[in-house]
Protein backbone atom coordinates (compact mmCIF):
# COMPACT_ATOMS: atom_id res chain seq x y z
CA UNK A 1 43.98 260.69 63.51
CA UNK A 2 46.48 257.95 64.57
CA UNK A 3 43.98 256.24 67.19
CA UNK A 4 41.59 255.67 64.20
CA UNK A 5 44.24 254.12 62.03
CA UNK A 6 45.49 252.10 64.70
CA UNK A 7 42.28 250.85 64.99
CA UNK A 8 41.30 250.21 61.83
CA UNK A 9 44.82 248.18 61.57
CA UNK A 10 43.59 246.16 64.26
CA UNK A 11 40.56 245.37 62.77
CA UNK A 12 41.95 244.29 59.35
CA UNK A 13 44.56 242.20 61.34
CA UNK A 14 41.49 240.42 62.84
CA UNK A 15 40.13 239.82 59.77
CA UNK A 16 43.61 238.59 58.16
CA UNK A 17 43.93 236.07 61.09
CA UNK A 18 40.69 234.63 60.45
CA UNK A 19 41.23 234.07 56.61
CA UNK A 20 44.62 232.55 57.15
CA UNK A 21 43.28 229.90 59.46
CA UNK A 22 41.25 228.26 56.75
CA UNK A 23 44.04 226.12 55.59
CA UNK A 24 46.04 225.06 58.48
CA UNK A 25 42.79 224.54 60.42
CA UNK A 26 41.99 221.77 57.39
CA UNK A 27 44.91 219.83 57.64
CA UNK A 28 45.21 219.56 61.21
CA UNK A 29 41.79 219.14 63.02
CA UNK A 30 40.96 215.78 61.65
CA UNK A 31 44.16 214.07 62.08
CA UNK A 32 43.33 212.53 65.45
CA UNK A 33 40.10 211.25 64.17
CA UNK A 34 41.98 208.91 61.40
CA UNK A 35 41.76 205.66 63.36
CA UNK A 36 37.75 206.06 63.66
CA UNK A 37 37.62 207.22 60.28
CA UNK A 38 39.35 204.28 58.89
CA UNK A 39 37.05 201.71 60.72
CA UNK A 40 34.04 203.46 59.61
CA UNK A 41 35.16 204.06 56.23
CA UNK A 42 36.87 200.62 55.75
CA UNK A 43 39.76 202.24 54.36
CA UNK A 44 43.40 201.81 55.79
CA UNK A 45 45.06 205.29 57.47
CA UNK A 46 47.75 205.33 54.74
CA UNK A 47 44.59 205.96 52.20
CA UNK A 48 43.10 208.44 54.58
CA UNK A 49 46.41 210.35 54.19
CA UNK A 50 45.66 210.97 50.52
CA UNK A 51 42.88 213.39 51.88
CA UNK A 52 45.46 215.59 53.25
CA UNK A 53 47.72 215.28 49.75
CA UNK A 54 44.47 215.69 47.63
CA UNK A 55 43.87 219.01 49.91
CA UNK A 56 47.59 220.35 49.75
CA UNK A 57 47.68 219.74 46.28
CA UNK A 58 44.61 221.92 45.25
CA UNK A 59 45.68 224.36 47.54
CA UNK A 60 48.83 224.84 45.71
CA UNK A 61 47.18 224.98 42.64
CA UNK A 62 44.50 226.45 42.95
CA UNK A 63 46.65 229.46 43.77
CA UNK A 64 47.72 229.80 40.20
CA UNK A 65 44.25 231.10 39.66
CA UNK A 66 43.01 232.69 42.76
CA UNK A 67 45.97 235.05 42.37
CA UNK A 68 45.24 236.68 38.99
CA UNK A 69 41.60 236.66 39.95
CA UNK A 70 42.24 238.79 43.01
CA UNK A 71 44.24 241.32 40.83
CA UNK A 72 41.11 241.19 38.44
CA UNK A 73 38.12 241.26 40.49
CA UNK A 74 39.40 242.10 43.65
CA UNK A 75 40.38 240.44 47.26
CA UNK A 76 36.89 240.91 48.79
CA UNK A 77 34.98 238.31 46.20
CA UNK A 78 37.96 235.94 46.27
CA UNK A 79 38.05 235.60 49.95
CA UNK A 80 33.91 235.27 50.46
CA UNK A 81 33.69 233.21 47.39
CA UNK A 82 36.58 230.95 48.46
CA UNK A 83 35.14 230.52 52.25
CA UNK A 84 31.80 230.10 50.99
CA UNK A 85 33.21 226.89 48.83
CA UNK A 86 35.37 225.71 52.26
CA UNK A 87 32.26 225.83 54.31
CA UNK A 88 30.18 223.90 51.73
CA UNK A 89 32.91 221.50 51.00
CA UNK A 90 33.25 220.95 54.81
CA UNK A 91 29.66 219.76 55.19
CA UNK A 92 29.94 217.73 52.11
CA UNK A 93 33.01 216.04 53.57
CA UNK A 94 31.08 215.15 57.02
CA UNK A 95 28.60 213.50 55.46
CA UNK A 96 30.25 211.86 52.16
CA UNK A 97 28.92 208.35 51.54
CA UNK A 98 32.11 207.15 50.68
CA UNK A 99 35.75 207.56 50.72
CA UNK A 100 36.05 208.72 47.09
CA UNK A 101 33.36 211.50 47.74
CA UNK A 102 35.45 212.62 50.78
CA UNK A 103 38.67 213.10 48.44
CA UNK A 104 36.40 215.21 45.95
CA UNK A 105 34.91 217.31 49.14
CA UNK A 106 38.65 217.97 50.09
CA UNK A 107 39.61 218.52 46.31
CA UNK A 108 37.40 221.47 46.44
CA UNK A 109 37.94 222.50 50.21
CA UNK A 110 41.34 223.11 49.06
CA UNK A 111 40.35 225.65 46.46
CA UNK A 112 38.44 227.43 48.61
CA UNK A 113 41.21 227.75 51.36
CA UNK A 114 43.92 228.72 48.69
CA UNK A 115 41.62 231.69 47.57
CA UNK A 116 41.57 232.90 51.24
CA UNK A 117 45.05 232.36 52.09
CA UNK A 118 45.70 234.60 48.50
CA UNK A 119 43.29 237.46 49.48
CA UNK A 120 44.88 237.65 52.98
CA UNK A 121 48.29 237.87 51.73
CA UNK A 122 47.30 240.30 48.72
CA UNK A 123 45.68 242.77 51.22
CA UNK A 124 48.35 242.67 53.40
CA UNK A 125 50.59 244.09 50.59
CA UNK A 126 47.92 246.57 49.45
CA UNK A 127 47.56 248.09 52.90
CA UNK A 128 50.65 248.14 54.48
CA UNK A 129 53.36 247.99 51.63
CA UNK A 130 56.60 246.61 51.41
CA UNK A 131 58.29 248.56 54.37
CA UNK A 132 55.58 246.95 56.38
CA UNK A 133 54.18 243.86 55.03
CA UNK A 134 56.99 241.83 56.51
CA UNK A 135 56.10 242.89 59.94
CA UNK A 136 52.41 241.75 59.17
CA UNK A 137 53.06 238.56 57.21
CA UNK A 138 55.31 237.48 60.59
CA UNK A 139 52.12 237.91 62.75
CA UNK A 140 50.06 235.93 60.15
CA UNK A 141 52.47 233.43 59.97
CA UNK A 142 52.66 233.23 63.84
CA UNK A 143 49.09 232.27 63.69
CA UNK A 144 49.61 229.66 60.73
CA UNK A 145 52.22 227.60 62.82
CA UNK A 146 50.32 227.74 66.03
CA UNK A 147 46.95 226.09 64.76
CA UNK A 148 48.82 222.74 63.82
CA UNK A 149 49.93 222.40 67.64
CA UNK A 150 46.20 223.24 68.93
CA UNK A 151 43.68 221.91 66.36
CA UNK A 152 44.83 218.14 66.92
CA UNK A 153 43.99 218.86 70.35
CA UNK A 154 40.65 220.29 69.37
CA UNK A 155 39.76 217.83 67.04
CA UNK A 156 40.44 214.99 69.54
CA UNK A 157 37.97 216.26 71.78
CA UNK A 158 35.37 216.71 69.19
CA UNK A 159 36.14 213.19 67.83
CA UNK A 160 35.52 211.59 71.59
CA UNK A 161 33.03 214.12 72.14
CA UNK A 162 30.62 213.81 69.31
CA UNK A 163 32.36 212.26 65.90
CA UNK A 164 34.70 212.41 63.39
CA UNK A 165 31.96 214.28 61.09
CA UNK A 166 31.92 217.11 63.74
CA UNK A 167 35.90 218.47 62.65
CA UNK A 168 34.31 218.84 59.58
CA UNK A 169 31.21 221.14 60.82
CA UNK A 170 33.42 222.78 63.01
CA UNK A 171 35.46 223.83 59.67
CA UNK A 172 32.06 224.85 58.33
CA UNK A 173 31.15 226.99 61.28
CA UNK A 174 34.68 228.72 60.63
CA UNK A 175 33.79 229.51 57.19
CA UNK A 176 30.32 231.30 58.48
CA UNK A 177 32.84 233.45 60.99
CA UNK A 178 35.10 234.20 58.15
CA UNK A 179 32.52 235.36 55.65
CA UNK A 180 30.44 237.43 58.17
CA UNK A 181 33.66 239.18 59.61
CA UNK A 182 35.04 239.81 55.90
CA UNK A 183 31.41 241.13 55.01
CA UNK A 184 31.27 243.51 57.89
CA UNK A 185 35.02 244.65 59.09
CA UNK A 186 36.63 244.72 55.51
CA UNK A 187 36.57 247.08 52.47
CA UNK A 188 38.42 246.27 49.06
CA UNK A 189 41.73 247.45 49.16
CA UNK A 190 42.75 246.41 45.43
CA UNK A 191 44.68 249.12 43.95
CA UNK A 192 42.82 251.03 41.20
CA UNK A 193 45.62 250.56 38.78
CA UNK A 194 46.16 246.66 39.55
CA UNK A 195 45.25 244.19 36.87
CA UNK A 196 45.41 241.30 35.12
CA UNK A 197 44.60 241.08 31.45
CA UNK A 198 44.09 237.76 29.45
CA UNK A 199 42.81 234.39 30.67
CA UNK A 200 43.09 233.35 34.28
CA UNK A 201 44.96 230.12 33.75
CA UNK A 202 47.58 231.55 31.49
CA UNK A 203 50.82 231.01 33.50
CA UNK A 204 52.98 233.35 31.05
CA UNK A 205 51.85 235.86 33.48
CA UNK A 206 53.80 234.27 36.14
CA UNK A 207 56.93 234.62 34.18
CA UNK A 208 58.25 238.03 35.08
CA UNK A 209 57.93 237.52 38.53
CA UNK A 210 59.67 234.08 38.31
CA UNK A 211 62.37 235.71 36.45
CA UNK A 212 62.89 237.88 39.28
CA UNK A 213 66.13 237.25 41.36
CA UNK A 214 64.76 239.07 44.24
CA UNK A 215 61.58 236.77 44.13
CA UNK A 216 63.23 233.52 43.68
CA UNK A 217 65.59 233.87 46.30
CA UNK A 218 63.44 235.00 49.24
CA UNK A 219 59.96 232.63 48.04
CA UNK A 220 62.57 229.71 48.14
CA UNK A 221 63.52 230.49 51.77
CA UNK A 222 60.32 230.76 52.51
CA UNK A 223 59.15 227.20 51.27
CA UNK A 224 62.38 225.41 52.31
CA UNK A 225 61.57 227.10 56.00
CA UNK A 226 57.81 226.00 55.49
CA UNK A 227 58.94 222.52 54.63
CA UNK A 228 60.87 222.04 57.90
CA UNK A 229 58.08 223.29 59.52
CA UNK A 230 55.82 220.53 57.74
CA UNK A 231 58.25 217.88 58.51
CA UNK A 232 58.30 218.69 61.86
CA UNK A 233 54.29 218.45 62.50
CA UNK A 234 54.13 215.33 60.42
CA UNK A 235 57.00 213.26 62.19
CA UNK A 236 57.03 214.46 65.22
CA UNK A 237 53.85 212.89 66.83
CA UNK A 238 54.96 209.55 65.84
CA UNK A 239 58.46 210.30 66.97
CA UNK A 240 57.24 211.12 70.66
CA UNK A 241 54.38 208.58 71.10
CA UNK A 242 55.70 205.64 69.26
CA UNK A 243 59.62 205.85 69.17
CA UNK A 244 59.99 207.39 72.78
CA UNK A 245 57.09 206.02 74.26
CA UNK A 246 55.45 208.66 75.52
CA UNK A 247 51.08 208.95 75.85
CA UNK A 248 49.33 211.47 74.04
CA UNK A 249 48.88 213.65 77.26
CA UNK A 250 52.57 214.50 76.89
CA UNK A 251 52.65 215.09 73.24
CA UNK A 252 49.82 217.62 73.78
CA UNK A 253 51.48 219.23 76.57
CA UNK A 254 54.96 219.64 74.44
CA UNK A 255 53.06 220.73 71.29
CA UNK A 256 51.28 223.40 73.10
CA UNK A 257 54.00 224.65 74.85
CA UNK A 258 55.81 224.88 71.14
CA UNK A 259 52.57 226.65 69.67
CA UNK A 260 52.46 228.98 72.25
CA UNK A 261 56.41 230.08 72.07
CA UNK A 262 55.44 229.96 68.20
CA UNK A 263 52.73 232.85 68.52
CA UNK A 264 54.86 234.74 70.97
CA UNK A 265 57.86 234.73 68.71
CA UNK A 266 55.82 235.98 65.88
CA UNK A 267 54.72 238.80 67.87
CA UNK A 268 58.21 240.04 68.72
CA UNK A 269 59.67 239.33 65.69
CA UNK A 270 58.15 242.17 63.76
CA UNK A 271 60.33 244.57 66.04
CA UNK A 272 63.48 242.91 64.68
CA UNK A 273 62.41 243.03 61.00
CA UNK A 274 61.18 246.55 61.63
CA UNK A 275 64.78 247.76 62.39
CA UNK A 276 66.55 245.69 59.61
CA UNK A 277 64.74 242.75 57.36
CA UNK A 278 68.12 241.47 56.37
CA UNK A 279 69.46 241.17 59.72
CA UNK A 280 66.49 239.55 60.91
CA UNK A 281 66.29 236.89 57.95
CA UNK A 282 70.12 236.23 58.98
CA UNK A 283 69.52 235.89 62.78
CA UNK A 284 66.34 233.56 62.23
CA UNK A 285 68.58 231.14 59.60
CA UNK A 286 71.21 231.20 62.23
CA UNK A 287 69.01 229.97 64.60
CA UNK A 288 67.69 227.45 62.58
CA UNK A 289 71.10 226.22 61.68
CA UNK A 290 72.19 225.71 65.31
CA UNK A 291 69.40 223.73 66.10
CA UNK A 292 69.77 221.69 63.02
CA UNK A 293 73.06 220.81 64.74
CA UNK A 294 71.41 220.09 68.04
CA UNK A 295 69.08 217.57 66.51
CA UNK A 296 71.93 215.93 65.19
CA UNK A 297 73.86 215.49 67.69
CA UNK A 298 71.18 214.70 70.17
CA UNK A 299 69.27 212.04 67.50
CA UNK A 300 69.91 209.17 69.79
CA UNK A 301 68.71 210.71 73.17
CA UNK A 302 65.72 209.28 74.54
CA UNK A 303 64.59 212.46 76.14
CA UNK A 304 61.58 214.35 74.59
CA UNK A 305 63.43 217.48 75.29
CA UNK A 306 66.17 216.37 72.75
CA UNK A 307 63.80 217.24 70.14
CA UNK A 308 61.26 220.10 71.38
CA UNK A 309 64.13 222.24 72.79
CA UNK A 310 66.09 222.56 69.84
CA UNK A 311 62.29 223.18 68.10
CA UNK A 312 61.80 225.76 70.79
CA UNK A 313 64.82 227.68 69.46
CA UNK A 314 63.44 227.09 65.66
CA UNK A 315 60.32 228.92 66.76
CA UNK A 316 62.05 232.16 67.17
CA UNK A 317 63.77 231.39 63.46
CA UNK A 318 61.03 230.90 61.42
CA UNK A 319 59.25 233.98 62.97
CA UNK A 320 61.67 235.90 61.36
CA UNK A 321 62.56 233.91 58.58
CA UNK A 322 59.04 233.68 57.27
CA UNK A 323 57.61 237.41 57.72
CA UNK A 324 60.85 239.26 56.37
CA UNK A 325 61.50 236.48 53.50
CA UNK A 326 57.57 236.59 51.95
CA UNK A 327 57.68 240.33 52.58
CA UNK A 328 60.79 240.86 50.66
CA UNK A 329 59.36 238.38 47.92
CA UNK A 330 56.15 240.61 47.36
CA UNK A 331 57.92 244.21 47.70
CA UNK A 332 58.68 244.53 43.89
CA UNK A 333 55.24 243.70 42.77
CA UNK A 334 52.70 246.45 44.02
CA UNK A 335 50.76 245.84 41.13
CA UNK A 336 50.34 242.28 41.16
CA UNK A 337 50.13 241.75 44.69
CA UNK A 338 47.62 239.13 44.10
CA UNK A 339 49.80 237.07 41.49
CA UNK A 340 52.89 237.34 43.23
CA UNK A 341 51.22 236.19 46.73
CA UNK A 342 49.93 233.31 44.66
CA UNK A 343 53.36 232.02 43.63
CA UNK A 344 54.40 232.43 47.34
CA UNK A 345 51.49 230.23 48.61
CA UNK A 346 52.35 227.27 45.86
CA UNK A 347 55.88 227.51 46.77
CA UNK A 348 55.35 227.41 50.61
CA UNK A 349 52.29 224.81 50.24
CA UNK A 350 52.78 222.57 47.38
CA UNK A 351 56.58 223.27 47.15
CA UNK A 352 57.06 222.41 51.00
CA UNK A 353 54.78 219.44 50.67
CA UNK A 354 56.79 217.81 47.72
CA UNK A 355 59.86 218.61 49.91
CA UNK A 356 58.60 216.40 52.43
CA UNK A 357 57.02 213.78 50.50
CA UNK A 358 60.54 213.56 48.59
CA UNK A 359 62.50 213.03 52.20
CA UNK A 360 60.20 210.67 53.30
CA UNK A 361 61.27 208.35 51.39
CA UNK A 362 64.73 208.31 53.01
CA UNK A 363 62.92 206.93 56.29
CA UNK A 364 65.13 209.13 58.20
CA UNK A 365 64.93 209.60 62.14
CA UNK A 366 62.77 212.50 62.87
CA UNK A 367 65.20 214.44 64.14
CA UNK A 368 67.42 214.13 61.43
CA UNK A 369 64.85 214.23 58.87
CA UNK A 370 63.82 217.81 60.51
CA UNK A 371 67.54 218.80 60.25
CA UNK A 372 67.86 218.09 56.79
CA UNK A 373 65.15 220.49 55.57
CA UNK A 374 66.99 223.00 57.87
CA UNK A 375 70.61 222.23 56.10
CA UNK A 376 69.01 223.18 53.14
CA UNK A 377 68.83 226.98 53.81
CA UNK A 378 72.66 227.28 54.77
CA UNK A 379 73.46 228.53 50.69
CA UNK A 380 71.03 231.02 51.39
CA UNK A 381 72.58 232.11 54.89
CA UNK A 382 76.18 232.05 52.80
CA UNK A 383 74.64 234.07 50.09
CA UNK A 384 73.14 236.53 52.30
CA UNK A 385 76.28 237.09 53.78
CA UNK A 386 77.77 238.36 50.54
CA UNK A 387 77.32 241.75 48.59
CA UNK A 388 74.90 239.66 46.20
CA UNK A 389 72.86 238.58 48.97
CA UNK A 390 72.33 242.56 50.04
CA UNK A 391 70.90 243.03 46.67
CA UNK A 392 68.65 240.21 46.57
CA UNK A 393 67.18 240.90 49.98
CA UNK A 394 67.68 244.69 50.84
């Protein structure tokens, strides 16, 4: 019986891993193709960056509808429908006749990605409950953190060997794989008493969740942590290749090492979260804050290790934080797991994106910019040391 349960868990984990990859894959795989795309579409690279912004916007806002929909009709149809929309939009982007049509395709692709993301997080809460959700979310976040390291490498190879359109064709193929796996390996897990009455876009449904101090505290930690990851991913390439003068091969090597460490950390971290989610969160925040101090102290160094070694330490911190914080945020909402997952997703994607956009206006050096986002976690670390912190994260 245990063997059967273990096998089912591994099968479900495979499906969940496929579903959460949709979003980061669509963000990172085509970044190396920007130069070629700008030339062929006769637009600037700054304009092409809007395609990322549009995607991020619809990923975040779309979850406000995808979450309640997952509670109303089930996780399976939302996941499959989102994957279908994602794949069709990817093909539309590959053969977009103009830049404007590319933006439209990316907007719809974001809606598809948000549906798979919400469904995956809701399934975790359905199957593993509050006790093990943090561990499973850590595994999934490990995959999410790994994609920004590997996707640009794959995207560069596809662009050189074929064309920039091949990146979007690959995303469509990934959608086919996700749909097939979900149809064959996953059976609906929505609780019988899960419900969502009223209009899907009735934002009042979110208010009880937002008013929960446990949710807001832990979801805010996840959001700020994700913003530091996004800042690193967006700022590090330019810092390494332009400011420090390294070639794309060196950049690829260091990012690959970082991605591998992130995955390793996210498979080790659940053991710590299982023992004590609160202690795991405290340790994760401590690792990040120490790394932030190192980034500031070494900001003038010309060595690439001055940036990457602190980020290697952050890899373990991210694994400990994201799983425990997101799991704690979802724990009180068994009957509204889809809706609560949507809010976590909005904060992690759109919220983190807005924070990065705001900090970019300061035009700080990459190490300082990353450290700034991490420093915003200091008040949460201090609260966790108090009695109030024990109530906010049990």
